[in-house]
All heavy atoms as atom14 arrays in JSON, in Angstrom:
{
  "sequence": "SILNNVSTLKTTILQIRDVPEEDTVGYSRKGHLARPSRIAAI",
  "atom14_mask": [
    [1, 1, 1, 1, 1, 1, 0, 0, 0, 0, 0, 0, 0, 0],
    [1, 1, 1, 1, 1, 1, 1, 1, 0, 0, 0, 0, 0, 0],
    [1, 1, 1, 1, 1, 1, 1, 1, 0, 0, 0, 0, 0, 0],
    [1, 1, 1, 1, 1, 1, 1, 1, 0, 0, 0, 0, 0, 0],
    [1, 1, 1, 1, 1, 1, 1, 1, 0, 0, 0, 0, 0, 0],
    [1, 1, 1, 1, 1, 1, 1, 0, 0, 0, 0, 0, 0, 0],
    [1, 1, 1, 1, 1, 1, 0, 0, 0, 0, 0, 0, 0, 0],
    [1, 1, 1, 1, 1, 1, 1, 0, 0, 0, 0, 0, 0, 0],
    [1, 1, 1, 1, 1, 1, 1, 1, 0, 0, 0, 0, 0, 0],
    [1, 1, 1, 1, 1, 1, 1, 1, 1, 0, 0, 0, 0, 0],
    [1, 1, 1, 1, 1, 1, 1, 0, 0, 0, 0, 0, 0, 0],
    [1, 1, 1, 1, 1, 1, 1, 0, 0, 0, 0, 0, 0, 0],
    [1, 1, 1, 1, 1, 1, 1, 1, 0, 0, 0, 0, 0, 0],
    [1, 1, 1, 1, 1, 1, 1, 1, 0, 0, 0, 0, 0, 0],
    [1, 1, 1, 1, 1, 1, 1, 1, 1, 0, 0, 0, 0, 0],
    [1, 1, 1, 1, 1, 1, 1, 1, 0, 0, 0, 0, 0, 0],
    [1, 1, 1, 1, 1, 1, 1, 1, 1, 1, 1, 0, 0, 0],
    [1, 1, 1, 1, 1, 1, 1, 1, 0, 0, 0, 0, 0, 0],
    [1, 1, 1, 1, 1, 1, 1, 0, 0, 0, 0, 0, 0, 0],
    [1, 1, 1, 1, 1, 1, 1, 0, 0, 0, 0, 0, 0, 0],
    [1, 1, 1, 1, 1, 1, 1, 1, 1, 0, 0, 0, 0, 0],
    [1, 1, 1, 1, 1, 1, 1, 1, 1, 0, 0, 0, 0, 0],
    [1, 1, 1, 1, 1, 1, 1, 1, 0, 0, 0, 0, 0, 0],
    [1, 1, 1, 1, 1, 1, 1, 0, 0, 0, 0, 0, 0, 0],
    [1, 1, 1, 1, 1, 1, 1, 0, 0, 0, 0, 0, 0, 0],
    [1, 1, 1, 1, 0, 0, 0, 0, 0, 0, 0, 0, 0, 0],
    [1, 1, 1, 1, 1, 1, 1, 1, 1, 1, 1, 1, 0, 0],
    [1, 1, 1, 1, 1, 1, 0, 0, 0, 0, 0, 0, 0, 0],
    [1, 1, 1, 1, 1, 1, 1, 1, 1, 1, 1, 0, 0, 0],
    [1, 1, 1, 1, 1, 1, 1, 1, 1, 0, 0, 0, 0, 0],
    [1, 1, 1, 1, 0, 0, 0, 0, 0, 0, 0, 0, 0, 0],
    [1, 1, 1, 1, 1, 1, 1, 1, 1, 1, 0, 0, 0, 0],
    [1, 1, 1, 1, 1, 1, 1, 1, 0, 0, 0, 0, 0, 0],
    [1, 1, 1, 1, 1, 0, 0, 0, 0, 0, 0, 0, 0, 0],
    [1, 1, 1, 1, 1, 1, 1, 1, 1, 1, 1, 0, 0, 0],
    [1, 1, 1, 1, 1, 1, 1, 0, 0, 0, 0, 0, 0, 0],
    [1, 1, 1, 1, 1, 1, 0, 0, 0, 0, 0, 0, 0, 0],
    [1, 1, 1, 1, 1, 1, 1, 1, 1, 1, 1, 0, 0, 0],
    [1, 1, 1, 1, 1, 1, 1, 1, 0, 0, 0, 0, 0, 0],
    [1, 1, 1, 1, 1, 0, 0, 0, 0, 0, 0, 0, 0, 0],
    [1, 1, 1, 1, 1, 0, 0, 0, 0, 0, 0, 0, 0, 0],
    [1, 1, 1, 1, 1, 1, 1, 1, 0, 0, 0, 0, 0, 0]
  ],
  "atom14_positions": [
    [[44.8, 1.19, 153.77], [44.63, -0.06, 153.03], [45.91, -0.88, 153.14], [46.98, -0.37, 153.47], [44.32, 0.23, 151.56], [45.39, 0.94, 150.96], [0.0, 0.0, 0.0], [0.0, 0.0, 0.0], [0.0, 0.0, 0.0], [0.0, 0.0, 0.0], [0.0, 0.0, 0.0], [0.0, 0.0, 0.0], [0.0, 0.0, 0.0], [0.0, 0.0, 0.0]],
    [[45.78, -2.18, 152.9], [46.93, -3.08, 153.03], [47.61, -3.22, 151.67], [46.96, -3.54, 150.67], [46.48, -4.46, 153.56], [45.73, -4.31, 154.9], [47.69, -5.38, 153.73], [46.55, -3.65, 155.99], [0.0, 0.0, 0.0], [0.0, 0.0, 0.0], [0.0, 0.0, 0.0], [0.0, 0.0, 0.0], [0.0, 0.0, 0.0], [0.0, 0.0, 0.0]],
    [[48.9, -2.98, 151.64], [49.68, -3.18, 150.42], [50.01, -4.66, 150.31], [49.27, -5.44, 149.72], [50.94, -2.32, 150.47], [50.7, -0.81, 150.62], [52.0, -0.07, 150.83], [49.97, -0.25, 149.41], [0.0, 0.0, 0.0], [0.0, 0.0, 0.0], [0.0, 0.0, 0.0], [0.0, 0.0, 0.0], [0.0, 0.0, 0.0], [0.0, 0.0, 0.0]],
    [[51.12, -5.07, 150.89], [51.45, -6.49, 151.02], [51.6, -6.75, 152.53], [52.51, -6.19, 153.15], [52.75, -6.82, 150.29], [52.64, -6.59, 148.8], [52.1, -7.39, 148.06], [53.17, -5.46, 148.34], [0.0, 0.0, 0.0], [0.0, 0.0, 0.0], [0.0, 0.0, 0.0], [0.0, 0.0, 0.0], [0.0, 0.0, 0.0], [0.0, 0.0, 0.0]],
    [[50.71, -7.56, 153.08], [50.72, -7.74, 154.54], [52.01, -8.4, 155.0], [52.43, -9.42, 154.47], [49.53, -8.61, 154.97], [49.51, -8.81, 156.47], [49.42, -7.86, 157.23], [49.65, -10.05, 156.9], [0.0, 0.0, 0.0], [0.0, 0.0, 0.0], [0.0, 0.0, 0.0], [0.0, 0.0, 0.0], [0.0, 0.0, 0.0], [0.0, 0.0, 0.0]],
    [[52.63, -7.81, 156.01], [53.9, -8.3, 156.53], [53.72, -9.11, 157.8], [54.3, -10.19, 157.95], [54.87, -7.12, 156.79], [56.14, -7.59, 157.5], [55.23, -6.43, 155.47], [0.0, 0.0, 0.0], [0.0, 0.0, 0.0], [0.0, 0.0, 0.0], [0.0, 0.0, 0.0], [0.0, 0.0, 0.0], [0.0, 0.0, 0.0], [0.0, 0.0, 0.0]],
    [[52.89, -8.63, 158.73], [52.8, -9.25, 160.06], [51.44, -9.91, 160.27], [50.39, -9.29, 160.05], [53.04, -8.21, 161.14], [54.34, -7.67, 161.05], [0.0, 0.0, 0.0], [0.0, 0.0, 0.0], [0.0, 0.0, 0.0], [0.0, 0.0, 0.0], [0.0, 0.0, 0.0], [0.0, 0.0, 0.0], [0.0, 0.0, 0.0], [0.0, 0.0, 0.0]],
    [[51.47, -11.16, 160.72], [50.25, -11.89, 161.06], [50.38, -12.43, 162.48], [51.31, -13.2, 162.77], [50.03, -13.06, 160.08], [49.84, -12.54, 158.76], [48.79, -13.87, 160.48], [0.0, 0.0, 0.0], [0.0, 0.0, 0.0], [0.0, 0.0, 0.0], [0.0, 0.0, 0.0], [0.0, 0.0, 0.0], [0.0, 0.0, 0.0], [0.0, 0.0, 0.0]],
    [[49.49, -12.0, 163.35], [49.49, -12.45, 164.74], [48.54, -13.63, 164.88], [47.35, -13.52, 164.57], [49.06, -11.3, 165.66], [49.1, -11.57, 167.16], [50.49, -11.95, 167.64], [48.59, -10.34, 167.93], [0.0, 0.0, 0.0], [0.0, 0.0, 0.0], [0.0, 0.0, 0.0], [0.0, 0.0, 0.0], [0.0, 0.0, 0.0], [0.0, 0.0, 0.0]],
    [[49.1, -14.77, 165.31], [48.33, -16.01, 165.37], [48.48, -16.66, 166.74], [49.48, -16.48, 167.42], [48.83, -17.0, 164.31], [48.68, -16.52, 162.89], [49.45, -17.39, 161.92], [48.9, -18.79, 161.84], [49.61, -19.59, 160.8], [0.0, 0.0, 0.0], [0.0, 0.0, 0.0], [0.0, 0.0, 0.0], [0.0, 0.0, 0.0], [0.0, 0.0, 0.0]],
    [[47.48, -17.44, 167.1], [47.58, -18.25, 168.31], [46.81, -19.54, 168.08], [46.43, -19.85, 166.95], [47.07, -17.46, 169.53], [47.35, -18.18, 170.72], [45.59, -17.16, 169.44], [0.0, 0.0, 0.0], [0.0, 0.0, 0.0], [0.0, 0.0, 0.0], [0.0, 0.0, 0.0], [0.0, 0.0, 0.0], [0.0, 0.0, 0.0], [0.0, 0.0, 0.0]],
    [[46.58, -20.32, 169.13], [45.88, -21.6, 168.98], [44.83, -21.75, 170.07], [44.89, -21.11, 171.13], [46.86, -22.78, 169.09], [47.55, -22.68, 170.35], [47.87, -22.77, 167.97], [0.0, 0.0, 0.0], [0.0, 0.0, 0.0], [0.0, 0.0, 0.0], [0.0, 0.0, 0.0], [0.0, 0.0, 0.0], [0.0, 0.0, 0.0], [0.0, 0.0, 0.0]],
    [[43.86, -22.58, 169.81], [42.82, -22.86, 170.81], [43.37, -23.83, 171.86], [43.83, -24.92, 171.54], [41.57, -23.45, 170.14], [40.92, -22.42, 169.21], [40.57, -23.93, 171.2], [39.71, -22.94, 168.46], [0.0, 0.0, 0.0], [0.0, 0.0, 0.0], [0.0, 0.0, 0.0], [0.0, 0.0, 0.0], [0.0, 0.0, 0.0], [0.0, 0.0, 0.0]],
    [[43.33, -23.39, 173.11], [43.78, -24.25, 174.21], [42.71, -25.21, 174.68], [42.97, -26.38, 174.95], [44.21, -23.38, 175.4], [45.47, -22.52, 175.24], [45.7, -21.72, 176.51], [46.68, -23.39, 174.92], [0.0, 0.0, 0.0], [0.0, 0.0, 0.0], [0.0, 0.0, 0.0], [0.0, 0.0, 0.0], [0.0, 0.0, 0.0], [0.0, 0.0, 0.0]],
    [[41.51, -24.69, 174.81], [40.42, -25.5, 175.38], [39.08, -24.97, 174.88], [38.93, -23.78, 174.65], [40.46, -25.42, 176.92], [39.47, -26.35, 177.61], [39.58, -26.26, 179.14], [39.71, -25.17, 179.69], [39.53, -27.4, 179.81], [0.0, 0.0, 0.0], [0.0, 0.0, 0.0], [0.0, 0.0, 0.0], [0.0, 0.0, 0.0], [0.0, 0.0, 0.0]],
    [[38.13, -25.89, 174.71], [36.77, -25.51, 174.34], [35.83, -26.12, 175.38], [35.95, -27.3, 175.74], [36.39, -26.02, 172.93], [37.33, -25.42, 171.88], [34.94, -25.67, 172.61], [37.09, -25.95, 170.47], [0.0, 0.0, 0.0], [0.0, 0.0, 0.0], [0.0, 0.0, 0.0], [0.0, 0.0, 0.0], [0.0, 0.0, 0.0], [0.0, 0.0, 0.0]],
    [[34.9, -25.3, 175.85], [33.91, -25.81, 176.81], [32.52, -25.29, 176.46], [32.38, -24.21, 175.87], [34.28, -25.43, 178.24], [34.21, -23.95, 178.55], [34.37, -23.7, 180.04], [35.72, -23.95, 180.49], [36.04, -24.93, 181.35], [35.12, -25.75, 181.81], [37.3, -25.08, 181.73], [0.0, 0.0, 0.0], [0.0, 0.0, 0.0], [0.0, 0.0, 0.0]],
    [[31.52, -26.08, 176.83], [30.13, -25.66, 176.66], [29.69, -24.91, 177.91], [29.88, -25.38, 179.04], [29.23, -26.88, 176.45], [29.53, -27.58, 175.12], [29.62, -26.88, 174.1], [29.7, -28.82, 175.12], [0.0, 0.0, 0.0], [0.0, 0.0, 0.0], [0.0, 0.0, 0.0], [0.0, 0.0, 0.0], [0.0, 0.0, 0.0], [0.0, 0.0, 0.0]],
    [[29.14, -23.72, 177.7], [28.73, -22.86, 178.81], [27.23, -22.57, 178.66], [26.8, -22.09, 177.61], [29.53, -21.54, 178.82], [29.09, -20.68, 180.01], [31.03, -21.82, 178.87], [0.0, 0.0, 0.0], [0.0, 0.0, 0.0], [0.0, 0.0, 0.0], [0.0, 0.0, 0.0], [0.0, 0.0, 0.0], [0.0, 0.0, 0.0], [0.0, 0.0, 0.0]],
    [[26.42, -22.84, 179.69], [24.98, -22.59, 179.59], [24.66, -21.1, 179.53], [25.45, -20.26, 179.97], [24.42, -23.23, 180.87], [25.58, -23.32, 181.8], [26.79, -23.5, 180.95], [0.0, 0.0, 0.0], [0.0, 0.0, 0.0], [0.0, 0.0, 0.0], [0.0, 0.0, 0.0], [0.0, 0.0, 0.0], [0.0, 0.0, 0.0], [0.0, 0.0, 0.0]],
    [[23.49, -20.79, 179.02], [23.09, -19.41, 178.79], [23.09, -18.57, 180.06], [23.43, -17.38, 180.04], [21.69, -19.38, 178.16], [21.16, -18.0, 177.88], [19.77, -18.03, 177.27], [19.28, -19.14, 176.97], [19.19, -16.95, 177.09], [0.0, 0.0, 0.0], [0.0, 0.0, 0.0], [0.0, 0.0, 0.0], [0.0, 0.0, 0.0], [0.0, 0.0, 0.0]],
    [[22.75, -19.18, 181.19], [22.62, -18.4, 182.42], [23.97, -18.08, 183.06], [24.04, -17.27, 184.0], [21.75, -19.15, 183.44], [22.28, -20.5, 183.87], [21.8, -21.65, 182.99], [21.31, -21.37, 181.86], [21.91, -22.81, 183.42], [0.0, 0.0, 0.0], [0.0, 0.0, 0.0], [0.0, 0.0, 0.0], [0.0, 0.0, 0.0], [0.0, 0.0, 0.0]],
    [[25.05, -18.66, 182.56], [26.37, -18.41, 183.14], [27.04, -17.19, 182.47], [26.58, -16.69, 181.45], [27.28, -19.62, 182.97], [26.99, -20.7, 184.01], [26.02, -20.54, 184.76], [27.75, -21.67, 184.06], [0.0, 0.0, 0.0], [0.0, 0.0, 0.0], [0.0, 0.0, 0.0], [0.0, 0.0, 0.0], [0.0, 0.0, 0.0], [0.0, 0.0, 0.0]],
    [[28.15, -16.74, 183.07], [28.93, -15.65, 182.49], [30.35, -16.13, 182.24], [30.77, -17.17, 182.76], [28.97, -14.42, 183.42], [29.5, -14.82, 184.69], [27.58, -13.84, 183.61], [0.0, 0.0, 0.0], [0.0, 0.0, 0.0], [0.0, 0.0, 0.0], [0.0, 0.0, 0.0], [0.0, 0.0, 0.0], [0.0, 0.0, 0.0], [0.0, 0.0, 0.0]],
    [[31.1, -15.36, 181.48], [32.46, -15.73, 181.1], [33.42, -14.62, 181.53], [33.19, -13.44, 181.25], [32.57, -15.94, 179.57], [34.02, -16.21, 179.16], [31.66, -17.08, 179.12], [0.0, 0.0, 0.0], [0.0, 0.0, 0.0], [0.0, 0.0, 0.0], [0.0, 0.0, 0.0], [0.0, 0.0, 0.0], [0.0, 0.0, 0.0], [0.0, 0.0, 0.0]],
    [[34.51, -15.0, 182.21], [35.59, -14.08, 182.48], [35.45, -13.24, 183.74], [34.46, -13.35, 184.48], [0.0, 0.0, 0.0], [0.0, 0.0, 0.0], [0.0, 0.0, 0.0], [0.0, 0.0, 0.0], [0.0, 0.0, 0.0], [0.0, 0.0, 0.0], [0.0, 0.0, 0.0], [0.0, 0.0, 0.0], [0.0, 0.0, 0.0], [0.0, 0.0, 0.0]],
    [[36.48, -12.41, 183.97], [36.54, -11.54, 185.15], [35.34, -10.59, 185.23], [34.83, -10.12, 184.22], [37.81, -10.7, 185.13], [39.05, -11.42, 185.58], [40.15, -11.5, 184.73], [39.13, -12.0, 186.84], [41.31, -12.15, 185.14], [40.27, -12.65, 187.25], [41.37, -12.73, 186.41], [42.51, -13.37, 186.81], [0.0, 0.0, 0.0], [0.0, 0.0, 0.0]],
    [[34.92, -10.34, 186.46], [33.83, -9.4, 186.77], [32.52, -9.79, 186.11], [31.61, -8.96, 185.99], [34.23, -7.97, 186.36], [35.43, -7.57, 186.99], [0.0, 0.0, 0.0], [0.0, 0.0, 0.0], [0.0, 0.0, 0.0], [0.0, 0.0, 0.0], [0.0, 0.0, 0.0], [0.0, 0.0, 0.0], [0.0, 0.0, 0.0], [0.0, 0.0, 0.0]],
    [[32.43, -11.04, 185.66], [31.22, -11.58, 185.05], [30.71, -10.69, 183.91], [29.51, -10.5, 183.72], [30.13, -11.76, 186.1], [30.53, -12.62, 187.29], [29.33, -13.17, 188.02], [28.64, -14.19, 187.21], [27.46, -14.69, 187.54], [26.83, -14.29, 188.63], [26.9, -15.6, 186.76], [0.0, 0.0, 0.0], [0.0, 0.0, 0.0], [0.0, 0.0, 0.0]],
    [[31.66, -10.17, 183.12], [31.28, -9.26, 182.03], [30.79, -9.99, 180.78], [30.14, -9.39, 179.93], [32.48, -8.38, 181.67], [32.81, -7.32, 182.7], [31.74, -6.26, 182.77], [32.09, -5.15, 183.74], [33.19, -4.31, 183.27], [0.0, 0.0, 0.0], [0.0, 0.0, 0.0], [0.0, 0.0, 0.0], [0.0, 0.0, 0.0], [0.0, 0.0, 0.0]],
    [[31.15, -11.27, 180.65], [30.8, -11.99, 179.44], [29.42, -12.62, 179.54], [29.27, -13.8, 179.9], [0.0, 0.0, 0.0], [0.0, 0.0, 0.0], [0.0, 0.0, 0.0], [0.0, 0.0, 0.0], [0.0, 0.0, 0.0], [0.0, 0.0, 0.0], [0.0, 0.0, 0.0], [0.0, 0.0, 0.0], [0.0, 0.0, 0.0], [0.0, 0.0, 0.0]],
    [[28.37, -11.84, 179.22], [26.99, -12.34, 179.31], [26.63, -13.07, 178.01], [26.85, -12.56, 176.91], [26.03, -11.19, 179.55], [26.26, -10.49, 180.85], [25.83, -11.0, 182.06], [26.91, -9.33, 181.14], [26.19, -10.19, 183.04], [26.85, -9.16, 182.51], [0.0, 0.0, 0.0], [0.0, 0.0, 0.0], [0.0, 0.0, 0.0], [0.0, 0.0, 0.0]],
    [[26.06, -14.26, 178.15], [25.71, -15.08, 176.99], [24.24, -14.95, 176.67], [23.4, -14.9, 177.56], [26.06, -16.54, 177.28], [27.53, -16.82, 177.64], [27.71, -18.3, 177.97], [28.45, -16.41, 176.51], [0.0, 0.0, 0.0], [0.0, 0.0, 0.0], [0.0, 0.0, 0.0], [0.0, 0.0, 0.0], [0.0, 0.0, 0.0], [0.0, 0.0, 0.0]],
    [[23.93, -14.91, 175.37], [22.53, -14.81, 174.93], [21.96, -16.16, 174.59], [20.78, -16.27, 174.25], [22.44, -13.88, 173.72], [0.0, 0.0, 0.0], [0.0, 0.0, 0.0], [0.0, 0.0, 0.0], [0.0, 0.0, 0.0], [0.0, 0.0, 0.0], [0.0, 0.0, 0.0], [0.0, 0.0, 0.0], [0.0, 0.0, 0.0], [0.0, 0.0, 0.0]],
    [[22.81, -17.21, 174.68], [22.37, -18.56, 174.32], [23.38, -19.54, 174.89], [24.49, -19.15, 175.28], [22.33, -18.7, 172.8], [23.68, -18.4, 172.16], [23.69, -18.56, 170.67], [25.02, -18.22, 170.12], [25.37, -18.42, 168.88], [24.5, -18.96, 168.02], [26.59, -18.09, 168.46], [0.0, 0.0, 0.0], [0.0, 0.0, 0.0], [0.0, 0.0, 0.0]],
    [[23.05, -20.83, 174.95], [24.06, -21.82, 175.31], [25.21, -21.74, 174.29], [24.95, -21.69, 173.08], [23.32, -23.16, 175.21], [21.87, -22.79, 175.37], [21.73, -21.44, 174.73], [0.0, 0.0, 0.0], [0.0, 0.0, 0.0], [0.0, 0.0, 0.0], [0.0, 0.0, 0.0], [0.0, 0.0, 0.0], [0.0, 0.0, 0.0], [0.0, 0.0, 0.0]],
    [[26.43, -21.7, 174.75], [27.54, -21.36, 173.85], [28.73, -22.29, 174.01], [28.94, -22.89, 175.08], [28.02, -19.92, 174.14], [26.97, -18.99, 173.99], [0.0, 0.0, 0.0], [0.0, 0.0, 0.0], [0.0, 0.0, 0.0], [0.0, 0.0, 0.0], [0.0, 0.0, 0.0], [0.0, 0.0, 0.0], [0.0, 0.0, 0.0], [0.0, 0.0, 0.0]],
    [[29.52, -22.4, 172.92], [30.83, -23.05, 172.98], [31.86, -21.94, 173.08], [31.97, -21.09, 172.21], [31.09, -23.89, 171.72], [30.22, -25.11, 171.59], [30.57, -25.88, 170.31], [31.82, -26.61, 170.44], [32.75, -26.67, 169.5], [32.63, -25.99, 168.39], [33.85, -27.38, 169.69], [0.0, 0.0, 0.0], [0.0, 0.0, 0.0], [0.0, 0.0, 0.0]],
    [[32.61, -21.96, 174.15], [33.58, -20.91, 174.43], [34.99, -21.51, 174.37], [35.29, -22.5, 175.03], [33.34, -20.27, 175.8], [31.93, -19.69, 175.89], [34.39, -19.19, 176.08], [31.63, -18.59, 174.88], [0.0, 0.0, 0.0], [0.0, 0.0, 0.0], [0.0, 0.0, 0.0], [0.0, 0.0, 0.0], [0.0, 0.0, 0.0], [0.0, 0.0, 0.0]],
    [[35.84, -20.89, 173.54], [37.22, -21.34, 173.41], [38.16, -20.38, 174.13], [37.97, -19.16, 174.09], [37.61, -21.44, 171.93], [0.0, 0.0, 0.0], [0.0, 0.0, 0.0], [0.0, 0.0, 0.0], [0.0, 0.0, 0.0], [0.0, 0.0, 0.0], [0.0, 0.0, 0.0], [0.0, 0.0, 0.0], [0.0, 0.0, 0.0], [0.0, 0.0, 0.0]],
    [[39.15, -20.94, 174.81], [40.18, -20.14, 175.46], [41.43, -20.16, 174.57], [41.84, -21.22, 174.1], [40.51, -20.69, 176.83], [0.0, 0.0, 0.0], [0.0, 0.0, 0.0], [0.0, 0.0, 0.0], [0.0, 0.0, 0.0], [0.0, 0.0, 0.0], [0.0, 0.0, 0.0], [0.0, 0.0, 0.0], [0.0, 0.0, 0.0], [0.0, 0.0, 0.0]],
    [[42.0, -18.97, 174.34], [43.21, -18.87, 173.51], [44.31, -18.16, 174.3], [44.03, -17.25, 175.08], [42.93, -18.15, 172.17], [42.36, -16.75, 172.4], [41.97, -18.99, 171.33], [42.12, -15.96, 171.11], [0.0, 0.0, 0.0], [0.0, 0.0, 0.0], [0.0, 0.0, 0.0], [0.0, 0.0, 0.0], [0.0, 0.0, 0.0], [0.0, 0.0, 0.0]]
  ]
}
C-alpha cells in the first residue's frame, strides 16, 4: 500500500492521430484496433 507517495513519473502528449479500425499501431503490427481510434504518442 502507498503511505505518502514520493515519486510520480509524468510525460506529455506529443501527437494525436485518428487511426482507422483496419490499421495497426506500432512495431510488428502488434497494436490491433477494435474500432476507429484516437491514438496519442507520448
